[in-house]
Amino acid sequence: MAVFELSEYRTRLRKTKEKMAAKEIDVLLVTDPANLNYLTGYDGWSFYVHQCLIVLLDEEEPFWIGRGQDANGARVTTWLNENHIIPYPDYYVQSTERHPMDFVCDILKEIGQSNATIGLEMDTYYFTAKCYTQLKVGLPLASFVDATSLVNYVRIIKSDKEIEYMKKAARIVENAMQTGIDAIEEGVRECDVVAKIMHAQISGTVEFGGDYPAIMPLLPSGEKTSTPHLTWTDEKYKSGIPVILELAGCYNRYHSPLSRTVFIGEPDPKVKYLADVVIEGLNATLESIKPGVTCEEVEEVWRKTIAKSGFEKESRIGYSMGLNYPPDWGEHTASLRPGDKTILEPNMTFHCIPGIWLDEYGVELSESFRVTESGIEVFADFPRKLFVKNATKVY
């Protein structure tokens, strides 16, 4: 039931092993659920307990290790053979006496890797300090090296099939964004708007349904638009305030994020001006992108464009994204910011989100895109403007 051809998974595994060999890594322990999915197709809401993939340089298939009751999930979603699916007993789950990494240590000893050089994804959400200490205790002769982004950088250039899934995600986010904008009205509860958005995200289109996005809808309103990462309340919308919507469509775990800003009533001139600045900067930035330019060169276009209007922004304006699980749809590789000298290549995919958040209000507009042979292809087809609801004039 894996969602890609076996040949694509084998290509991904080969590229991963090439990076392992270059870093003199014998064994790679993969704990990021997105990387498990990328290499094997494994797809389950089981990342709240410890699970991993053991990749060996000299072994054709990796070994999946996870909770016993999740083993059938590996059997029905991955391309792995039965003898490469290794479940651990439930008494390892959230125990104060033993840890799943003790089980992993035993497996590594059994397959002759007790003194290997082992790469660990040390700065990921699901690899804990306890994981590391148990591995150190259980494998005292092994050498451990940081391999946090090794698989992530294999993922950074997408296949045609991955791009196809992200385009489907874009169709979903177009519907979800329009649903949200249509639902925002004075007197309507924030939570009711988000309920409609989430229904649109999951129901998808007539042709295909949606998956759960890695991030919940972010909808700060009023003064809360001065910061980007707030969700919603049960308060009712009032006239005279901005509302930010940052959403994603998701298909087979591949995302297409999109953000827009709405104003309820006659737009505050300060908000309208800031929206114009953000739109001008976003347009100029997207027009500058092509293969061969660096991430920092892209950000420089944005920075110089908004500086003409007297604005500056310290945070990055985008990041590589695509396949992921909660809590983030970003890939944790390239960022559009000063100092990132990553050279853009065809089929890299980014979420460019150059929002500006001031002390009392903010504006966001964003686009997800892929780098093409000559420029970019924006995934979503959605008006790039400040949306105005219930105004007496047309804006």
Protein backbone atom coordinates (compact mmCIF):
# COMPACT_ATOMS: atom_id res chain seq x y z
CA MET A 1 0.00 0.00 0.00
CA ALA A 2 3.00 2.32 -0.21
CA VAL A 3 2.15 5.43 -2.26
CA PHE A 4 5.27 5.37 -4.49
CA GLU A 5 6.77 2.76 -6.75
CA LEU A 6 9.35 0.46 -5.15
CA SER A 7 11.98 1.85 -7.52
CA GLU A 8 11.54 5.31 -6.00
CA TYR A 9 12.01 4.03 -2.45
CA ARG A 10 15.15 2.17 -3.53
CA THR A 11 16.51 5.34 -5.13
CA ARG A 12 15.89 7.26 -1.92
CA LEU A 13 17.62 4.54 0.10
CA ARG A 14 20.60 4.50 -2.28
CA LYS A 15 21.06 8.27 -1.98
CA THR A 16 20.80 8.01 1.80
CA LYS A 17 23.51 5.34 1.89
CA GLU A 18 25.75 7.47 -0.32
CA LYS A 19 25.53 10.26 2.26
CA MET A 20 26.16 7.74 5.05
CA ALA A 21 29.28 6.44 3.31
CA ALA A 22 30.57 9.98 2.75
CA LYS A 23 30.27 10.60 6.49
CA GLU A 24 31.71 7.15 7.36
CA ILE A 25 28.47 6.11 9.06
CA ASP A 26 27.88 2.35 9.30
CA VAL A 27 24.39 2.49 10.80
CA LEU A 28 21.76 5.23 10.60
CA LEU A 29 18.99 5.35 13.20
CA VAL A 30 16.08 7.23 11.66
CA THR A 31 13.52 8.52 14.18
CA ASP A 32 11.91 11.45 12.33
CA PRO A 33 8.48 10.09 11.21
CA ALA A 34 8.75 11.97 7.91
CA ASN A 35 12.03 10.23 7.18
CA LEU A 36 10.56 6.84 8.09
CA ASN A 37 7.79 7.56 5.63
CA TYR A 38 10.19 8.80 2.96
CA LEU A 39 12.37 5.69 3.03
CA THR A 40 9.71 3.01 3.57
CA GLY A 41 6.21 4.46 3.15
CA TYR A 42 5.39 3.87 6.83
CA ASP A 43 2.39 6.01 7.75
CA GLY A 44 0.76 5.80 11.15
CA TRP A 45 -0.08 8.00 14.12
CA SER A 46 2.38 6.06 16.22
CA PHE A 47 5.11 8.67 16.66
CA TYR A 48 3.95 9.36 20.22
CA VAL A 49 5.84 6.20 21.18
CA HIS A 50 9.42 5.45 20.17
CA GLN A 51 9.97 3.96 16.74
CA CYS A 52 12.87 3.97 14.35
CA LEU A 53 14.39 2.68 11.17
CA ILE A 54 17.81 1.01 11.14
CA VAL A 55 19.61 1.64 7.85
CA LEU A 56 22.78 -0.43 7.27
CA LEU A 57 25.25 0.27 4.50
CA ASP A 58 25.54 -3.38 3.58
CA GLU A 59 21.87 -4.37 4.02
CA GLU A 60 19.46 -4.06 1.09
CA GLU A 61 16.44 -3.22 3.26
CA PRO A 62 16.23 -1.16 6.44
CA PHE A 63 14.73 -2.58 9.62
CA TRP A 64 11.57 -1.01 11.04
CA ILE A 65 11.37 -1.17 14.85
CA GLY A 66 8.24 -0.07 16.65
CA ARG A 67 5.53 -0.94 19.13
CA GLY A 68 4.04 -4.38 18.69
CA GLN A 69 0.53 -3.18 17.96
CA ASP A 70 1.89 -0.93 15.20
CA ALA A 71 3.73 -3.71 13.37
CA ASN A 72 0.72 -4.46 11.18
CA GLY A 73 0.75 -0.80 10.24
CA ALA A 74 4.25 -1.32 8.90
CA ARG A 75 3.12 -4.43 7.05
CA VAL A 76 0.30 -2.65 5.23
CA THR A 77 1.99 0.70 4.48
CA THR A 78 5.62 -0.18 3.70
CA TRP A 79 7.52 -2.17 1.09
CA LEU A 80 9.56 -4.01 3.72
CA ASN A 81 9.73 -7.78 3.99
CA GLU A 82 8.34 -9.46 7.07
CA ASN A 83 11.78 -10.20 8.54
CA HIS A 84 12.62 -6.48 8.43
CA ILE A 85 9.65 -5.52 10.62
CA ILE A 86 10.67 -5.99 14.25
CA PRO A 87 8.12 -5.13 16.96
CA TYR A 88 8.98 -4.59 20.61
CA PRO A 89 6.72 -5.78 23.47
CA ASP A 90 4.28 -3.36 25.06
CA TYR A 91 6.07 -3.45 28.40
CA TYR A 92 8.64 -1.10 26.85
CA VAL A 93 5.99 1.60 26.34
CA GLN A 94 6.30 4.51 28.78
CA SER A 95 8.03 2.31 31.32
CA THR A 96 10.22 3.53 34.17
CA GLU A 97 12.14 0.22 34.17
CA ARG A 98 13.08 -0.20 30.50
CA HIS A 99 13.19 1.85 27.33
CA PRO A 100 12.55 1.02 23.65
CA MET A 101 16.13 2.03 22.86
CA ASP A 102 17.26 -0.85 25.09
CA PHE A 103 15.46 -3.10 22.62
CA VAL A 104 17.14 -1.31 19.71
CA CYS A 105 20.53 -1.88 21.36
CA ASP A 106 19.81 -5.59 21.62
CA ILE A 107 18.89 -5.77 17.93
CA LEU A 108 22.06 -3.93 16.91
CA LYS A 109 24.11 -6.37 18.98
CA GLU A 110 22.36 -9.35 17.36
CA ILE A 111 23.18 -8.10 13.86
CA GLY A 112 26.81 -7.42 14.70
CA GLN A 113 26.73 -3.62 14.98
CA SER A 114 27.66 -3.18 18.64
CA ASN A 115 30.90 -1.35 17.80
CA ALA A 116 29.71 0.47 14.67
CA THR A 117 29.71 4.17 13.89
CA ILE A 118 26.06 5.07 14.35
CA GLY A 119 24.42 8.20 12.97
CA LEU A 120 21.63 9.69 15.10
CA GLU A 121 18.99 12.31 14.29
CA MET A 122 19.86 14.17 17.44
CA ASP A 123 17.88 17.38 16.91
CA THR A 124 14.48 16.04 15.96
CA TYR A 125 11.20 16.23 17.84
CA TYR A 126 10.92 12.51 18.56
CA PHE A 127 14.48 11.64 19.57
CA THR A 128 14.71 12.38 23.28
CA ALA A 129 17.60 12.82 25.68
CA LYS A 130 16.59 9.47 27.19
CA CYS A 131 16.96 7.83 23.78
CA TYR A 132 20.53 9.05 23.59
CA THR A 133 21.52 8.06 27.11
CA GLN A 134 20.09 4.56 26.71
CA LEU A 135 21.97 4.04 23.45
CA LYS A 136 25.21 5.22 25.06
CA VAL A 137 24.75 2.83 27.98
CA GLY A 138 23.57 -0.08 25.86
CA LEU A 139 26.28 0.22 23.18
CA PRO A 140 29.44 1.33 25.02
CA LEU A 141 31.75 0.28 22.14
CA ALA A 142 29.82 2.15 19.46
CA SER A 143 30.68 5.62 18.17
CA PHE A 144 27.79 8.06 17.80
CA VAL A 145 27.72 10.96 15.34
CA ASP A 146 25.12 13.61 14.62
CA ALA A 147 23.22 12.82 11.41
CA THR A 148 20.23 15.05 12.10
CA SER A 149 19.54 16.30 8.58
CA LEU A 150 21.11 13.55 6.50
CA VAL A 151 17.85 12.15 5.12
CA ASN A 152 16.25 15.60 5.05
CA TYR A 153 18.80 16.76 2.49
CA VAL A 154 18.03 13.72 0.34
CA ARG A 155 14.39 14.84 0.47
CA ILE A 156 15.11 18.42 -0.60
CA ILE A 157 14.80 17.70 -4.35
CA LYS A 158 11.40 16.23 -5.15
CA SER A 159 10.49 13.58 -7.69
CA ASP A 160 7.77 14.20 -10.27
CA LYS A 161 5.37 12.09 -8.20
CA GLU A 162 6.07 14.14 -5.09
CA ILE A 163 5.39 17.33 -7.07
CA GLU A 164 2.11 15.81 -8.26
CA TYR A 165 1.05 15.21 -4.65
CA MET A 166 1.98 18.78 -3.67
CA LYS A 167 -0.10 20.12 -6.55
CA LYS A 168 -3.06 18.14 -5.26
CA ALA A 169 -2.42 19.61 -1.82
CA ALA A 170 -2.54 23.05 -3.44
CA ARG A 171 -6.02 22.37 -4.85
CA ILE A 172 -7.09 21.46 -1.33
CA VAL A 173 -5.64 24.59 0.26
CA GLU A 174 -7.31 26.79 -2.35
CA ASN A 175 -10.68 25.41 -1.26
CA ALA A 176 -9.82 25.63 2.43
CA MET A 177 -8.61 29.23 2.16
CA GLN A 178 -11.69 30.36 0.25
CA THR A 179 -13.87 28.55 2.78
CA GLY A 180 -12.19 30.40 5.63
CA ILE A 181 -12.38 33.81 3.99
CA ASP A 182 -16.03 33.31 3.12
CA ALA A 183 -16.85 32.28 6.70
CA ILE A 184 -15.14 35.20 8.47
CA GLU A 185 -17.82 37.73 9.42
CA GLU A 186 -18.57 40.07 12.30
CA GLY A 187 -20.34 38.08 15.01
CA VAL A 188 -19.11 34.66 13.87
CA ARG A 189 -17.04 32.63 16.34
CA GLU A 190 -13.41 31.96 15.43
CA CYS A 191 -13.80 28.26 16.24
CA ASP A 192 -16.72 27.92 13.83
CA VAL A 193 -14.64 29.37 10.99
CA VAL A 194 -11.81 26.94 11.76
CA ALA A 195 -14.26 24.01 11.86
CA LYS A 196 -15.27 24.81 8.29
CA ILE A 197 -11.62 25.18 7.24
CA MET A 198 -10.68 21.82 8.73
CA HIS A 199 -13.66 20.15 7.06
CA ALA A 200 -12.43 21.53 3.73
CA GLN A 201 -8.88 20.37 4.43
CA ILE A 202 -9.94 16.80 5.09
CA SER A 203 -12.76 16.46 2.55
CA GLY A 204 -10.45 17.79 -0.17
CA THR A 205 -11.92 17.91 -3.66
CA VAL A 206 -14.43 15.82 -5.58
CA GLU A 207 -11.53 13.96 -7.21
CA PHE A 208 -9.43 13.28 -4.09
CA GLY A 209 -9.59 13.68 -0.34
CA GLY A 210 -7.21 15.43 2.02
CA ASP A 211 -4.85 14.29 4.73
CA TYR A 212 -4.36 15.90 8.15
CA PRO A 213 -1.86 18.78 7.91
CA ALA A 214 1.19 18.85 10.14
CA ILE A 215 0.11 22.23 11.58
CA MET A 216 -3.35 23.27 12.72
CA PRO A 217 -4.94 26.32 11.05
CA LEU A 218 -3.36 29.49 12.40
CA LEU A 219 -5.91 32.32 12.62
CA PRO A 220 -4.84 35.18 14.89
CA SER A 221 -7.17 38.19 14.78
CA GLY A 222 -7.06 41.82 15.85
CA GLU A 223 -4.08 42.66 18.04
CA LYS A 224 -3.05 39.00 17.96
CA THR A 225 -2.01 39.41 14.31
CA SER A 226 1.14 41.00 15.75
CA THR A 227 2.44 37.43 16.10
CA PRO A 228 2.17 34.57 13.61
CA HIS A 229 1.67 31.32 15.52
CA LEU A 230 -1.63 31.64 17.36
CA THR A 231 -4.56 29.36 16.55
CA TRP A 232 -8.15 30.35 17.50
CA THR A 233 -10.55 30.95 20.38
CA ASP A 234 -14.32 30.85 20.77
CA GLU A 235 -14.54 34.66 20.62
CA LYS A 236 -16.68 36.33 17.97
CA TYR A 237 -15.10 38.41 15.24
CA LYS A 238 -15.55 42.18 15.49
CA SER A 239 -15.60 44.83 12.80
CA GLY A 240 -12.46 46.90 12.25
CA ILE A 241 -9.85 44.16 12.74
CA PRO A 242 -7.48 42.13 10.57
CA VAL A 243 -7.47 38.32 10.55
CA ILE A 244 -4.54 36.21 9.35
CA LEU A 245 -5.10 32.75 7.88
CA GLU A 246 -2.14 30.38 7.52
CA LEU A 247 -3.25 26.94 6.31
CA ALA A 248 -2.06 24.00 4.28
CA GLY A 249 -3.57 21.40 2.07
CA CYS A 250 -2.11 17.95 2.59
CA TYR A 251 -2.20 14.90 0.32
CA ASN A 252 -0.38 11.67 1.18
CA ARG A 253 1.55 13.67 3.81
CA TYR A 254 2.74 16.24 1.22
CA HIS A 255 1.88 19.86 1.99
CA SER A 256 1.11 23.07 0.17
CA PRO A 257 0.89 25.93 2.70
CA LEU A 258 -0.77 29.27 1.95
CA SER A 259 -1.47 32.41 3.96
CA ARG A 260 -3.65 35.45 3.38
CA THR A 261 -4.95 38.37 5.44
CA VAL A 262 -8.56 39.54 5.76
CA PHE A 263 -9.87 42.85 7.13
CA ILE A 264 -13.41 43.04 8.51
CA GLY A 265 -14.95 46.41 7.65
CA GLU A 266 -13.25 49.49 6.24
CA PRO A 267 -9.50 48.71 6.22
CA ASP A 268 -7.30 50.59 8.63
CA PRO A 269 -4.98 52.66 6.37
CA LYS A 270 -1.94 51.39 8.29
CA VAL A 271 -2.92 47.76 7.67
CA LYS A 272 -3.72 48.47 4.01
CA TYR A 273 -0.31 50.11 3.53
CA LEU A 274 1.49 47.22 5.23
CA ALA A 275 -0.38 44.76 3.01
CA ASP A 276 0.74 46.69 -0.08
CA VAL A 277 4.35 46.55 1.14
CA VAL A 278 4.19 42.79 1.79
CA ILE A 279 2.58 42.11 -1.60
CA GLU A 280 5.17 44.21 -3.44
CA GLY A 281 7.99 42.45 -1.60
CA LEU A 282 6.53 38.99 -2.18
CA ASN A 283 6.04 39.65 -5.89
CA ALA A 284 9.58 40.95 -6.31
CA THR A 285 11.00 38.02 -4.37
CA LEU A 286 9.17 35.37 -6.37
CA GLU A 287 10.16 37.01 -9.66
CA SER A 288 13.83 36.82 -8.66
CA ILE A 289 13.93 33.07 -8.03
CA LYS A 290 15.56 30.72 -10.51
CA PRO A 291 18.02 27.83 -10.44
CA GLY A 292 21.53 28.88 -9.48
CA VAL A 293 20.64 31.65 -7.05
CA THR A 294 21.19 31.13 -3.35
CA CYS A 295 18.70 31.29 -0.52
CA GLU A 296 20.37 34.39 0.87
CA GLU A 297 20.19 36.12 -2.51
CA VAL A 298 16.44 35.51 -2.60
CA GLU A 299 16.00 37.02 0.86
CA GLU A 300 18.10 40.03 -0.13
CA VAL A 301 15.60 40.95 -2.84
CA TRP A 302 12.81 40.99 -0.25
CA ARG A 303 14.86 42.97 2.24
CA LYS A 304 15.81 45.68 -0.27
CA THR A 305 12.25 45.93 -1.60
CA ILE A 306 10.58 46.54 1.77
CA ALA A 307 13.41 48.85 2.88
CA LYS A 308 12.22 51.36 0.27
CA SER A 309 9.01 51.67 2.34
CA GLY A 310 10.87 51.92 5.64
CA PHE A 311 10.39 48.34 6.84
CA GLU A 312 12.78 45.61 7.93
CA LYS A 313 12.25 42.00 8.98
CA GLU A 314 14.75 39.97 10.98
CA SER A 315 13.24 36.50 10.66
CA ARG A 316 13.61 34.24 7.63
CA ILE A 317 11.09 34.60 4.81
CA GLY A 318 10.73 30.96 3.83
CA TYR A 319 11.93 27.40 4.07
CA SER A 320 12.04 24.09 2.22
CA MET A 321 8.92 22.03 2.85
CA GLY A 322 6.87 19.10 1.62
CA LEU A 323 6.51 15.73 3.35
CA ASN A 324 5.99 15.88 7.10
CA TYR A 325 4.09 15.04 10.27
CA PRO A 326 3.08 17.17 13.27
CA PRO A 327 4.28 19.55 14.51
CA ASP A 328 5.78 21.08 11.34
CA TRP A 329 5.49 20.91 7.56
CA GLY A 330 9.00 22.37 7.06
CA GLU A 331 11.89 20.05 6.13
CA HIS A 332 14.49 21.71 8.41
CA THR A 333 17.02 22.19 5.62
CA ALA A 334 17.28 25.33 3.49
CA SER A 335 15.90 28.68 4.68
CA LEU A 336 15.45 31.93 2.79
CA ARG A 337 17.60 34.11 5.04
CA PRO A 338 20.98 35.80 5.22
CA GLY A 339 23.86 33.36 5.46
CA ASP A 340 22.10 30.41 3.83
CA LYS A 341 24.16 29.72 0.72
CA THR A 342 22.09 26.75 -0.46
CA ILE A 343 21.95 26.91 -4.26
CA LEU A 344 18.44 26.50 -5.63
CA GLU A 345 17.89 23.57 -8.00
CA PRO A 346 14.89 22.39 -10.02
CA ASN A 347 12.21 20.60 -7.98
CA MET A 348 13.24 22.11 -4.69
CA THR A 349 10.04 23.27 -3.01
CA PHE A 350 9.61 26.18 -0.61
CA HIS A 351 7.02 28.05 1.40
CA CYS A 352 7.81 31.74 1.00
CA ILE A 353 6.06 33.53 3.86
CA PRO A 354 7.36 37.09 4.22
CA GLY A 355 4.89 38.29 6.83
CA ILE A 356 5.52 41.47 8.77
CA TRP A 357 4.34 41.62 12.37
CA LEU A 358 4.38 44.98 14.13
CA ASP A 359 3.59 45.78 17.75
CA GLU A 360 -0.21 45.97 17.34
CA TYR A 361 -1.01 44.29 14.01
CA GLY A 362 0.51 42.26 11.23
CA VAL A 363 -0.02 41.09 7.65
CA GLU A 364 0.79 37.73 6.03
CA LEU A 365 0.67 36.63 2.43
CA SER A 366 2.58 33.56 1.32
CA GLU A 367 3.07 31.21 -1.59
CA SER A 368 4.36 27.67 -1.93
CA PHE A 369 6.33 26.94 -5.07
CA ARG A 370 8.72 24.63 -6.81
CA VAL A 371 11.88 25.75 -8.56
CA THR A 372 11.70 25.00 -12.30
CA GLU A 373 14.39 24.91 -15.00
CA SER A 374 14.00 28.65 -15.57
CA GLY A 375 12.14 30.15 -12.60
CA ILE A 376 9.37 28.93 -10.30
CA GLU A 377 5.90 27.39 -10.43
CA VAL A 378 3.57 28.67 -7.72
CA PHE A 379 1.41 25.80 -6.48
CA ALA A 380 -1.81 27.61 -5.47
CA ASP A 381 -3.87 29.79 -7.78
CA PHE A 382 -5.29 32.29 -5.32
CA PRO A 383 -5.64 36.10 -5.43
CA ARG A 384 -2.65 37.86 -3.91
CA LYS A 385 -4.33 40.76 -2.12
CA LEU A 386 -5.73 42.01 1.17
CA PHE A 387 -9.25 40.57 1.42
CA VAL A 388 -11.86 42.99 2.75
CA LYS A 389 -15.21 41.93 4.20
CA ASN A 390 -18.27 44.19 4.73
CA ALA A 391 -16.71 47.43 3.53
CA THR A 392 -18.78 50.17 1.90
CA LYS A 393 -16.16 50.70 -0.82
CA VAL A 394 -14.46 48.27 -3.18
CA TYR A 395 -10.79 47.60 -2.44
